[in-house]
Protein backbone atom coordinates (compact mmCIF):
# COMPACT_ATOMS: atom_id res chain seq x y z
CA MET A 1 127.47 109.93 95.75
CA SER A 2 127.14 113.05 97.90
CA ASP A 3 125.88 115.11 94.92
CA THR A 4 123.25 112.46 94.22
CA LEU A 5 122.26 112.33 97.88
CA GLN A 6 121.99 116.11 97.99
CA ALA A 7 119.85 116.14 94.82
CA LEU A 8 117.54 113.42 96.19
CA ASN A 9 117.19 115.24 99.51
CA GLY A 10 116.20 118.38 97.61
CA ALA A 11 113.66 116.43 95.54
CA ALA A 12 112.29 114.76 98.68
CA GLU A 13 111.81 118.12 100.36
CA ALA A 14 110.06 119.49 97.25
CA ILE A 15 107.72 116.47 97.18
CA TRP A 16 106.97 116.85 100.87
CA LEU A 17 106.32 120.59 100.57
CA ALA A 18 104.08 120.12 97.51
CA SER A 19 102.00 117.41 99.20
CA HIS A 20 101.94 118.63 102.81
CA ASP A 21 98.64 120.55 102.59
CA THR A 22 96.72 117.70 100.94
CA TRP A 23 98.53 114.82 102.70
CA PRO A 24 99.85 116.13 106.03
CA GLY A 25 100.88 112.69 107.37
CA LEU A 26 103.13 111.80 104.44
CA SER A 27 106.79 111.14 105.22
CA VAL A 28 109.37 111.48 102.42
CA GLU A 29 112.76 109.98 103.25
CA VAL A 30 116.11 109.48 101.50
CA LEU A 31 118.66 106.88 102.58
CA PRO A 32 122.24 106.81 101.31
CA GLU A 33 122.05 103.01 101.05
CA VAL A 34 119.52 100.27 101.73
CA GLY A 35 119.15 96.63 100.78
CA SER A 36 115.75 97.21 99.21
CA THR A 37 113.38 100.15 99.55
CA ASN A 38 110.43 97.75 99.32
CA ALA A 39 111.87 95.34 101.90
CA GLU A 40 112.57 98.23 104.28
CA LEU A 41 108.98 99.49 104.05
CA MET A 42 107.59 95.95 104.35
CA ALA A 43 109.58 95.48 107.59
CA ARG A 44 108.27 98.79 108.89
CA GLY A 45 104.71 97.73 108.04
CA ARG A 46 105.11 94.40 109.85
CA ALA A 47 106.36 96.36 112.87
CA GLY A 48 103.19 98.45 112.87
CA GLN A 49 104.30 101.65 111.12
CA ALA A 50 101.09 102.91 109.59
CA SER A 51 102.09 106.31 108.25
CA PRO A 52 102.28 106.73 104.47
CA THR A 53 105.94 106.88 103.49
CA VAL A 54 107.89 107.54 100.30
CA LEU A 55 111.37 106.03 100.60
CA MET A 56 114.19 106.75 98.14
CA ALA A 57 117.75 105.44 98.17
CA VAL A 58 120.93 106.52 96.42
CA ASN A 59 122.19 102.94 96.47
CA GLN A 60 120.03 99.83 96.65
CA THR A 61 122.12 96.69 97.18
CA ALA A 62 119.48 93.95 97.23
CA GLY A 63 116.56 95.18 95.13
CA ARG A 64 113.87 92.72 94.17
CA GLY A 65 111.56 92.59 91.21
CA ARG A 66 108.56 90.47 90.38
CA LEU A 67 108.70 86.83 91.53
CA GLY A 68 111.77 87.57 93.67
CA ARG A 69 114.00 88.42 90.71
CA SER A 70 117.02 90.61 91.37
CA TRP A 71 116.62 94.32 90.58
CA LEU A 72 120.01 95.91 89.95
CA ALA A 73 120.21 99.64 90.49
CA GLU A 74 123.46 101.39 89.65
CA PRO A 75 123.89 104.47 91.87
CA GLY A 76 123.33 107.71 89.98
CA ARG A 77 121.87 105.97 86.93
CA CYS A 78 118.39 105.17 88.18
CA LEU A 79 115.89 106.07 90.84
CA THR A 80 114.98 103.56 93.51
CA VAL A 81 111.82 104.60 95.28
CA SER A 82 109.04 102.80 97.12
CA MET A 83 105.85 103.99 98.74
CA GLY A 84 104.36 102.39 101.83
CA LEU A 85 100.66 102.91 102.41
CA PRO A 86 98.27 101.56 105.01
CA LEU A 87 95.68 99.99 102.73
CA ALA A 88 92.95 97.39 103.03
CA LEU A 89 93.99 95.51 99.88
CA GLU A 90 91.00 93.17 100.15
CA SER A 91 88.75 96.19 99.56
CA VAL A 92 90.47 97.06 96.25
CA PRO A 93 88.43 95.63 93.35
CA GLY A 94 90.73 93.10 91.66
CA GLY A 95 93.23 93.18 94.54
CA GLY A 96 96.95 93.62 94.01
CA SER A 97 96.91 92.79 90.29
CA ALA A 98 94.44 95.57 89.57
CA LEU A 99 96.32 97.95 91.84
CA SER A 100 99.57 97.28 89.92
CA LEU A 101 97.86 98.18 86.64
CA VAL A 102 96.22 101.31 88.07
CA VAL A 103 99.51 102.51 89.58
CA GLY A 104 101.30 101.79 86.29
CA CYS A 105 98.72 103.80 84.35
CA ALA A 106 98.92 106.70 86.82
CA VAL A 107 102.74 106.79 86.67
CA ALA A 108 102.68 106.59 82.86
CA GLN A 109 100.16 109.43 82.70
CA ALA A 110 102.21 111.59 85.07
CA LEU A 111 105.45 110.92 83.16
CA SER A 112 103.96 111.46 79.71
CA ALA A 113 103.67 115.20 80.32
CA HIS A 114 107.42 115.42 80.97
CA LEU A 115 108.86 113.19 78.24
CA PRO A 116 109.70 114.36 74.73
CA ALA A 117 107.26 113.51 71.95
CA ALA A 118 107.85 110.05 70.53
CA PRO A 119 108.40 109.57 66.79
CA SER A 120 105.59 107.01 66.78
CA PRO A 121 103.03 105.61 69.25
CA GLN A 122 105.01 102.35 69.41
CA ALA A 123 108.15 104.25 70.46
CA GLY A 124 106.39 106.27 73.15
CA LEU A 125 105.58 105.54 76.76
CA GLY A 126 103.69 102.36 77.44
CA LEU A 127 102.94 99.58 79.89
CA LYS A 128 103.91 95.95 79.53
CA TRP A 129 101.74 93.77 81.72
CA PRO A 130 101.96 93.26 84.56
CA ASN A 131 104.41 95.82 85.87
CA ASP A 132 106.85 97.38 83.40
CA LEU A 133 106.96 100.96 82.13
CA LEU A 134 108.46 101.16 78.64
CA TRP A 135 109.88 104.14 76.76
CA ALA A 136 111.09 103.81 73.16
CA GLY A 137 110.87 100.03 73.47
CA ARG A 138 113.13 99.85 76.55
CA LYS A 139 112.28 99.28 80.19
CA LEU A 140 112.04 102.60 81.98
CA GLY A 141 110.87 101.23 85.33
CA GLY A 142 108.81 98.67 87.14
CA ILE A 143 105.88 98.68 89.53
CA LEU A 144 106.03 96.12 92.32
CA ILE A 145 103.05 95.82 94.66
CA GLU A 146 103.65 93.90 97.88
CA ALA A 147 101.46 93.59 100.93
CA THR A 148 101.93 92.55 104.54
CA ARG A 149 99.87 92.62 107.68
CA SER A 150 101.07 94.85 110.49
CA GLU A 151 101.45 93.52 114.03
CA GLU A 152 98.29 95.35 115.08
CA HIS A 153 96.23 93.37 112.53
CA THR A 154 97.85 89.95 113.10
CA SER A 155 95.54 89.12 116.01
CA GLU A 156 92.51 89.67 113.78
CA LEU A 157 93.41 86.76 111.46
């Protein structure tokens, strides 16, 4: 696991360095183990952490997918990463459902430049509504959008 942790720390530093000039407040973190990257960032949001954060983990022991389904992540065989953003979700046209689709399209577009050419359009990179990225007919990843109110906004309800 130490090689994987070292590789993720190097990737995190590269992401931070590449984004620092355009997004100076972004934090990029790597944990050796966490229950769920999403749950960790949701807890931080509820506690009032408002800085944008990318959180990666070598081992995720209690990952969750859509509708509370279990998301199993074998260490070293997949990437578990979440991004926490302070966002007024009610101002996003279409809300969370639209945001999930937009994020899925953006990730697919970014990945398409780095994947080998597919033998056919059906075997290439695609999205399966509402939140799955597919490559060659297999699930490559998932997009899970969750929202919570921070403590500082609770009194405004």
